[in-house]
Amino acid sequence: MGFPENVLAKGEKVERDLHPHWLTVVVPTIFGLLLTAACIAVAVVTPDDETGNRIQWIAVAVLVLVAVPAVVVPYLRWRTTHYVITSHRVMVRRGVLTKNGKDITLSKITDVSFQQTVLDRIIRSGSLHIESAGDSPDENLSSIPRSNEVQQLINRLIDEDDLRRRSHGRDVADAPDPGLGSSEDGYADDTTAIPRQRPELAEERRRPRDLGDGNDQTL
């Protein structure tokens, strides 16, 4: 089952949808097979009578009681754990009955490192440590298949996200102001910025002549 696409934002694309390495469920699977074989052996050895049937039912009950926490729960935990890397963020989803998750946007990731033991290098697995800015704690992703490749993928997506944000910021800064007028050739109309001259009132036109007449009289 892939990660649901309806949780993604517009334009967001899933780059990698991962579960923990499949070897994490190998031991529970082998243990479950051994339990099943032991139960079958008990059914074959015990006689087909009332006592034998009682022993067989007890063996089945023990098989169920042991297999559920030791086999079924680890498998469901592995199946419901998602490490999703998108073009915008890193999403972590865990939980069988009680779900919990965390989203780390690429712009807030400050460092991504991986660690591999000798066994991890043999099975091509490892752990990722993601450091993020802010108050949220760092995230540790364990048993990641091809952890070194996933680290390089996250670093590349961080660079692409930063470049996309910078390009968007330049486009917004270079956009023309819609409040300015524009001419037919697409350039801003500078004439809109020139204030219009107020028409001269009739009283203001008469004022110089009145002042001149007054001076003549004083002379």
C-alpha atoms as a PDB file:
ATOM      1  CA  MET A   1       0.000   0.000   0.000  1.00  0.00           C
ATOM      2  CA  GLY A   2       1.489   3.333  -1.048  1.00  0.00           C
ATOM      3  CA  PHE A   3       1.307   6.521   0.930  1.00  0.00           C
ATOM      4  CA  PRO A   4      -2.042   8.352   0.394  1.00  0.00           C
ATOM      5  CA  GLU A   5      -1.709  11.157  -2.129  1.00  0.00           C
ATOM      6  CA  ASN A   6      -4.501  13.242  -0.557  1.00  0.00           C
ATOM      7  CA  VAL A   7      -2.171  14.479   2.209  1.00  0.00           C
ATOM      8  CA  LEU A   8       0.108  16.190  -0.298  1.00  0.00           C
ATOM      9  CA  ALA A   9       0.009  19.890  -1.091  1.00  0.00           C
ATOM     10  CA  LYS A  10      -0.534  21.271  -4.578  1.00  0.00           C
ATOM     11  CA  GLY A  11       2.538  20.635  -6.710  1.00  0.00           C
ATOM     12  CA  GLU A  12       4.114  18.335  -4.097  1.00  0.00           C
ATOM     13  CA  LYS A  13       5.538  15.076  -5.428  1.00  0.00           C
ATOM     14  CA  VAL A  14       6.553  11.917  -3.566  1.00  0.00           C
ATOM     15  CA  GLU A  15      10.205  11.122  -4.231  1.00  0.00           C
ATOM     16  CA  ARG A  16      10.547   8.068  -1.988  1.00  0.00           C
ATOM     17  CA  ASP A  17       8.088   6.069   0.154  1.00  0.00           C
ATOM     18  CA  LEU A  18       9.982   3.771   2.514  1.00  0.00           C
ATOM     19  CA  HIS A  19       9.323   1.221   5.216  1.00  0.00           C
ATOM     20  CA  PRO A  20      12.016   0.072   7.618  1.00  0.00           C
ATOM     21  CA  HIS A  21      14.316  -2.557   6.125  1.00  0.00           C
ATOM     22  CA  TRP A  22      12.558  -5.878   5.547  1.00  0.00           C
ATOM     23  CA  LEU A  23      15.171  -7.694   7.639  1.00  0.00           C
ATOM     24  CA  THR A  24      13.609  -6.118  10.732  1.00  0.00           C
ATOM     25  CA  VAL A  25      10.764  -8.645  10.434  1.00  0.00           C
ATOM     26  CA  VAL A  26      12.895 -11.667   9.551  1.00  0.00           C
ATOM     27  CA  VAL A  27      13.372 -12.786  13.167  1.00  0.00           C
ATOM     28  CA  PRO A  28       9.639 -12.519  14.040  1.00  0.00           C
ATOM     29  CA  THR A  29       8.801 -14.395  10.844  1.00  0.00           C
ATOM     30  CA  ILE A  30      11.213 -17.235  11.629  1.00  0.00           C
ATOM     31  CA  PHE A  31       9.913 -17.387  15.189  1.00  0.00           C
ATOM     32  CA  GLY A  32       6.353 -17.618  13.903  1.00  0.00           C
ATOM     33  CA  LEU A  33       7.293 -20.473  11.582  1.00  0.00           C
ATOM     34  CA  LEU A  34       8.934 -22.338  14.456  1.00  0.00           C
ATOM     35  CA  LEU A  35       5.843 -21.892  16.610  1.00  0.00           C
ATOM     36  CA  THR A  36       3.647 -23.189  13.813  1.00  0.00           C
ATOM     37  CA  ALA A  37       5.921 -26.200  13.282  1.00  0.00           C
ATOM     38  CA  ALA A  38       5.872 -26.983  17.024  1.00  0.00           C
ATOM     39  CA  CYS A  39       2.083 -26.795  17.068  1.00  0.00           C
ATOM     40  CA  ILE A  40       1.848 -29.161  14.102  1.00  0.00           C
ATOM     41  CA  ALA A  41       4.296 -31.557  15.761  1.00  0.00           C
ATOM     42  CA  VAL A  42       2.172 -31.602  18.917  1.00  0.00           C
ATOM     43  CA  ALA A  43      -0.929 -32.372  16.858  1.00  0.00           C
ATOM     44  CA  VAL A  44       0.855 -35.279  15.121  1.00  0.00           C
ATOM     45  CA  VAL A  45       2.370 -36.820  18.254  1.00  0.00           C
ATOM     46  CA  THR A  46      -0.639 -36.617  20.570  1.00  0.00           C
ATOM     47  CA  PRO A  47      -3.216 -39.421  20.318  1.00  0.00           C
ATOM     48  CA  ASP A  48      -6.604 -38.826  18.788  1.00  0.00           C
ATOM     49  CA  ASP A  49      -8.603 -39.052  22.001  1.00  0.00           C
ATOM     50  CA  GLU A  50     -10.015 -36.710  24.615  1.00  0.00           C
ATOM     51  CA  THR A  51      -6.670 -36.129  26.294  1.00  0.00           C
ATOM     52  CA  GLY A  52      -4.889 -35.642  22.970  1.00  0.00           C
ATOM     53  CA  ASN A  53      -7.504 -33.179  21.770  1.00  0.00           C
ATOM     54  CA  ARG A  54      -7.157 -31.223  25.010  1.00  0.00           C
ATOM     55  CA  ILE A  55      -3.390 -31.011  24.513  1.00  0.00           C
ATOM     56  CA  GLN A  56      -3.846 -29.894  20.913  1.00  0.00           C
ATOM     57  CA  TRP A  57      -6.198 -27.089  21.932  1.00  0.00           C
ATOM     58  CA  ILE A  58      -3.749 -25.969  24.584  1.00  0.00           C
ATOM     59  CA  ALA A  59      -0.975 -25.913  21.953  1.00  0.00           C
ATOM     60  CA  VAL A  60      -3.126 -23.797  19.633  1.00  0.00           C
ATOM     61  CA  ALA A  61      -3.942 -21.360  22.460  1.00  0.00           C
ATOM     62  CA  VAL A  62      -0.256 -21.021  23.342  1.00  0.00           C
ATOM     63  CA  LEU A  63       0.545 -20.474  19.670  1.00  0.00           C
ATOM     64  CA  VAL A  64      -1.973 -17.636  19.399  1.00  0.00           C
ATOM     65  CA  LEU A  65      -0.988 -15.991  22.678  1.00  0.00           C
ATOM     66  CA  VAL A  66       2.703 -16.020  21.791  1.00  0.00           C
ATOM     67  CA  ALA A  67       2.410 -15.326  18.073  1.00  0.00           C
ATOM     68  CA  VAL A  68       0.281 -12.164  18.379  1.00  0.00           C
ATOM     69  CA  PRO A  69       2.799 -10.027  20.336  1.00  0.00           C
ATOM     70  CA  ALA A  70       5.926 -11.740  18.983  1.00  0.00           C
ATOM     71  CA  VAL A  71       5.004 -12.049  15.287  1.00  0.00           C
ATOM     72  CA  VAL A  72       1.856 -10.155  14.296  1.00  0.00           C
ATOM     73  CA  VAL A  73       2.554  -6.894  16.161  1.00  0.00           C
ATOM     74  CA  PRO A  74       6.132  -6.477  14.797  1.00  0.00           C
ATOM     75  CA  TYR A  75       4.865  -7.092  11.268  1.00  0.00           C
ATOM     76  CA  LEU A  76       2.042  -4.545  11.620  1.00  0.00           C
ATOM     77  CA  ARG A  77       4.452  -2.041  13.162  1.00  0.00           C
ATOM     78  CA  TRP A  78       6.787  -2.491  10.190  1.00  0.00           C
ATOM     79  CA  ARG A  79       3.938  -2.221   7.692  1.00  0.00           C
ATOM     80  CA  THR A  80       2.425   0.928   9.197  1.00  0.00           C
ATOM     81  CA  THR A  81       5.722   2.813   9.529  1.00  0.00           C
ATOM     82  CA  HIS A  82       6.225   5.193   6.608  1.00  0.00           C
ATOM     83  CA  TYR A  83       9.230   7.343   5.831  1.00  0.00           C
ATOM     84  CA  VAL A  84       8.017   9.568   2.997  1.00  0.00           C
ATOM     85  CA  ILE A  85      10.326  12.019   1.246  1.00  0.00           C
ATOM     86  CA  THR A  86       8.629  14.577  -0.982  1.00  0.00           C
ATOM     87  CA  SER A  87       9.732  17.621  -2.929  1.00  0.00           C
ATOM     88  CA  HIS A  88       8.646  19.828   0.010  1.00  0.00           C
ATOM     89  CA  ARG A  89       9.177  17.877   3.245  1.00  0.00           C
ATOM     90  CA  VAL A  90      10.058  14.674   5.075  1.00  0.00           C
ATOM     91  CA  MET A  91       7.059  12.910   6.626  1.00  0.00           C
ATOM     92  CA  VAL A  92       7.191  10.223   9.316  1.00  0.00           C
ATOM     93  CA  ARG A  93       4.142   8.137  10.195  1.00  0.00           C
ATOM     94  CA  ARG A  94       4.112   5.438  12.876  1.00  0.00           C
ATOM     95  CA  GLY A  95       1.605   3.439  14.894  1.00  0.00           C
ATOM     96  CA  VAL A  96      -0.687   0.433  14.590  1.00  0.00           C
ATOM     97  CA  LEU A  97      -3.686   1.561  16.645  1.00  0.00           C
ATOM     98  CA  THR A  98      -2.440   4.899  17.965  1.00  0.00           C
ATOM     99  CA  LYS A  99      -1.040   6.932  15.092  1.00  0.00           C
ATOM    100  CA  ASN A 100       1.626   9.589  15.423  1.00  0.00           C
ATOM    101  CA  GLY A 101       3.472  11.545  12.778  1.00  0.00           C
ATOM    102  CA  LYS A 102       5.849  14.381  12.112  1.00  0.00           C
ATOM    103  CA  ASP A 103       6.467  16.636   9.106  1.00  0.00           C
ATOM    104  CA  ILE A 104       9.800  18.387   8.600  1.00  0.00           C
ATOM    105  CA  THR A 105       9.834  20.966   5.822  1.00  0.00           C
ATOM    106  CA  LEU A 106      12.991  20.977   3.725  1.00  0.00           C
ATOM    107  CA  SER A 107      13.636  24.659   4.446  1.00  0.00           C
ATOM    108  CA  LYS A 108      13.982  23.900   8.176  1.00  0.00           C
ATOM    109  CA  ILE A 109      16.406  20.981   7.841  1.00  0.00           C
ATOM    110  CA  THR A 110      19.901  22.074   8.857  1.00  0.00           C
ATOM    111  CA  ASP A 111      21.784  18.774   8.620  1.00  0.00           C
ATOM    112  CA  VAL A 112      21.264  15.167   7.505  1.00  0.00           C
ATOM    113  CA  SER A 113      23.685  12.431   8.539  1.00  0.00           C
ATOM    114  CA  PHE A 114      23.623   8.640   8.345  1.00  0.00           C
ATOM    115  CA  GLN A 115      25.230   5.890  10.382  1.00  0.00           C
ATOM    116  CA  GLN A 116      25.947   2.278   9.406  1.00  0.00           C
ATOM    117  CA  THR A 117      27.228  -0.633  11.430  1.00  0.00           C
ATOM    118  CA  VAL A 118      29.104  -3.525   9.835  1.00  0.00           C
ATOM    119  CA  LEU A 119      25.858  -5.491   9.576  1.00  0.00           C
ATOM    120  CA  ASP A 120      24.088  -2.459   8.096  1.00  0.00           C
ATOM    121  CA  ARG A 121      26.730  -2.191   5.389  1.00  0.00           C
ATOM    122  CA  ILE A 122      26.228  -5.863   4.521  1.00  0.00           C
ATOM    123  CA  ILE A 123      22.460  -5.576   4.207  1.00  0.00           C
ATOM    124  CA  ARG A 124      22.661  -2.030   2.734  1.00  0.00           C
ATOM    125  CA  SER A 125      20.756  -0.359   5.535  1.00  0.00           C
ATOM    126  CA  GLY A 126      21.429   2.318   8.141  1.00  0.00           C
ATOM    127  CA  SER A 127      20.037   5.091  10.319  1.00  0.00           C
ATOM    128  CA  LEU A 128      19.386   8.722   9.396  1.00  0.00           C
ATOM    129  CA  HIS A 129      19.654  11.659  11.788  1.00  0.00           C
ATOM    130  CA  ILE A 130      17.788  14.796  10.686  1.00  0.00           C
ATOM    131  CA  GLU A 131      18.484  18.068  12.483  1.00  0.00           C
ATOM    132  CA  SER A 132      15.910  20.824  12.081  1.00  0.00           C
ATOM    133  CA  ALA A 133      15.755  24.469  13.087  1.00  0.00           C
ATOM    134  CA  GLY A 134      13.330  25.651  15.732  1.00  0.00           C
ATOM    135  CA  ASP A 135      12.104  24.091  18.940  1.00  0.00           C
ATOM    136  CA  SER A 136      11.136  20.722  17.461  1.00  0.00           C
ATOM    137  CA  PRO A 137      13.468  17.835  18.414  1.00  0.00           C
ATOM    138  CA  ASP A 138      15.674  16.118  15.883  1.00  0.00           C
ATOM    139  CA  GLU A 139      14.358  13.011  14.139  1.00  0.00           C
ATOM    140  CA  ASN A 140      16.073   9.617  14.014  1.00  0.00           C
ATOM    141  CA  LEU A 141      14.987   7.255  11.248  1.00  0.00           C
ATOM    142  CA  SER A 142      16.167   3.712  11.952  1.00  0.00           C
ATOM    143  CA  SER A 143      16.655   0.782   9.578  1.00  0.00           C
ATOM    144  CA  ILE A 144      16.444   2.859   6.402  1.00  0.00           C
ATOM    145  CA  PRO A 145      17.111   0.880   3.215  1.00  0.00           C
ATOM    146  CA  ARG A 146      20.066   2.392   1.288  1.00  0.00           C
ATOM    147  CA  SER A 147      20.462   5.110   3.911  1.00  0.00           C
ATOM    148  CA  ASN A 148      23.404   6.769   2.136  1.00  0.00           C
ATOM    149  CA  GLU A 149      21.368   7.200  -1.056  1.00  0.00           C
ATOM    150  CA  VAL A 150      18.421   8.577   0.922  1.00  0.00           C
ATOM    151  CA  GLN A 151      20.737  11.094   2.605  1.00  0.00           C
ATOM    152  CA  GLN A 152      21.990  12.310  -0.784  1.00  0.00           C
ATOM    153  CA  LEU A 153      18.404  12.520  -2.060  1.00  0.00           C
ATOM    154  CA  ILE A 154      17.315  14.706   0.873  1.00  0.00           C
ATOM    155  CA  ASN A 155      20.323  17.009   0.442  1.00  0.00           C
ATOM    156  CA  ARG A 156      19.560  17.394  -3.272  1.00  0.00           C
ATOM    157  CA  LEU A 157      15.905  18.182  -2.565  1.00  0.00           C
ATOM    158  CA  ILE A 158      16.956  20.781   0.032  1.00  0.00           C
ATOM    159  CA  ASP A 159      19.103  22.546  -2.584  1.00  0.00           C
ATOM    160  CA  GLU A 160      16.303  22.440  -5.158  1.00  0.00           C
ATOM    161  CA  ASP A 161      13.771  23.756  -2.627  1.00  0.00           C
ATOM    162  CA  ASP A 162      16.105  26.626  -1.676  1.00  0.00           C
ATOM    163  CA  LEU A 163      16.640  27.509  -5.342  1.00  0.00           C
ATOM    164  CA  ARG A 164      12.896  27.430  -5.975  1.00  0.00           C
ATOM    165  CA  ARG A 165      12.232  29.748  -3.045  1.00  0.00           C
ATOM    166  CA  ARG A 166      14.911  32.191  -4.157  1.00  0.00           C
ATOM    167  CA  SER A 167      13.534  32.257  -7.713  1.00  0.00           C
ATOM    168  CA  HIS A 168      10.032  32.859  -6.432  1.00  0.00           C
ATOM    169  CA  GLY A 169      11.281  35.719  -4.259  1.00  0.00           C
ATOM    170  CA  ARG A 170      13.010  37.373  -7.218  1.00  0.00           C
ATOM    171  CA  ASP A 171       9.876  37.013  -9.347  1.00  0.00           C
ATOM    172  CA  VAL A 172       7.790  38.733  -6.667  1.00  0.00           C
ATOM    173  CA  ALA A 173      10.345  41.541  -6.284  1.00  0.00           C
ATOM    174  CA  ASP A 174      10.531  42.142 -10.048  1.00  0.00           C
ATOM    175  CA  ALA A 175       6.763  42.197 -10.555  1.00  0.00           C
ATOM    176  CA  PRO A 176       5.403  45.669 -11.542  1.00  0.00           C
ATOM    177  CA  ASP A 177       3.355  47.613  -9.038  1.00  0.00           C
ATOM    178  CA  PRO A 178      -0.309  47.285 -10.061  1.00  0.00           C
ATOM    179  CA  GLY A 179      -0.943  50.776  -8.665  1.00  0.00           C
ATOM    180  CA  LEU A 180       1.184  52.402 -11.350  1.00  0.00           C
ATOM    181  CA  GLY A 181      -0.271  53.301 -14.740  1.00  0.00           C
ATOM    182  CA  SER A 182       1.011  51.600 -17.863  1.00  0.00           C
ATOM    183  CA  SER A 183       1.150  52.594 -21.471  1.00  0.00           C
ATOM    184  CA  GLU A 184       0.410  50.494 -24.511  1.00  0.00           C
ATOM    185  CA  ASP A 185       4.044  49.380 -24.935  1.00  0.00           C
ATOM    186  CA  GLY A 186       4.056  47.843 -21.443  1.00  0.00           C
ATOM    187  CA  TYR A 187       6.176  50.532 -19.689  1.00  0.00           C
ATOM    188  CA  ALA A 188       4.983  52.421 -16.678  1.00  0.00           C
ATOM    189  CA  ASP A 189       3.277  55.713 -17.447  1.00  0.00           C
ATOM    190  CA  ASP A 190       5.355  58.299 -15.570  1.00  0.00           C
ATOM    191  CA  THR A 191       2.847  61.074 -16.346  1.00  0.00           C
ATOM    192  CA  THR A 192       0.577  59.741 -13.627  1.00  0.00           C
ATOM    193  CA  ALA A 193       3.142  60.826 -11.043  1.00  0.00           C
ATOM    194  CA  ILE A 194       3.124  64.527 -12.204  1.00  0.00           C
ATOM    195  CA  PRO A 195       0.701  66.591 -10.107  1.00  0.00           C
ATOM    196  CA  ARG A 196      -1.862  68.611 -12.057  1.00  0.00           C
ATOM    197  CA  GLN A 197      -1.679  72.424 -11.847  1.00  0.00           C
ATOM    198  CA  ARG A 198      -4.637  74.023 -10.090  1.00  0.00           C
ATOM    199  CA  PRO A 199      -6.470  76.629 -12.253  1.00  0.00           C
ATOM    200  CA  GLU A 200      -6.029  80.240 -11.135  1.00  0.00           C
ATOM    201  CA  LEU A 201      -8.998  81.758  -9.423  1.00  0.00           C
ATOM    202  CA  ALA A 202     -10.558  85.067 -10.549  1.00  0.00           C
ATOM    203  CA  GLU A 203      -9.740  86.704  -7.208  1.00  0.00           C
ATOM    204  CA  GLU A 204      -6.074  85.755  -7.610  1.00  0.00           C
ATOM    205  CA  ARG A 205      -6.002  87.235 -11.129  1.00  0.00           C
ATOM    206  CA  ARG A 206      -7.342  90.582  -9.845  1.00  0.00           C
ATOM    207  CA  ARG A 207      -5.003  90.820  -6.862  1.00  0.00           C
ATOM    208  CA  PRO A 208      -1.868  92.167  -8.669  1.00  0.00           C
ATOM    209  CA  ARG A 209      -3.883  94.958 -10.347  1.00  0.00           C
ATOM    210  CA  ASP A 210      -5.445  96.001  -7.061  1.00  0.00           C
ATOM    211  CA  LEU A 211      -2.076  96.215  -5.384  1.00  0.00           C
ATOM    212  CA  GLY A 212      -0.744  98.329  -8.253  1.00  0.00           C
ATOM    213  CA  ASP A 213      -3.602 100.806  -8.015  1.00  0.00           C
ATOM    214  CA  GLY A 214      -2.963 101.239  -4.330  1.00  0.00           C
ATOM    215  CA  ASN A 215       0.656 102.145  -4.883  1.00  0.00           C
ATOM    216  CA  ASP A 216      -0.219 104.759  -7.462  1.00  0.00           C
ATOM    217  CA  GLN A 217      -2.525 106.457  -4.998  1.00  0.00           C
ATOM    218  CA  THR A 218       0.110 106.698  -2.334  1.00  0.00           C
ATOM    219  CA  LEU A 219       2.441 108.380  -4.708  1.00  0.00           C
END
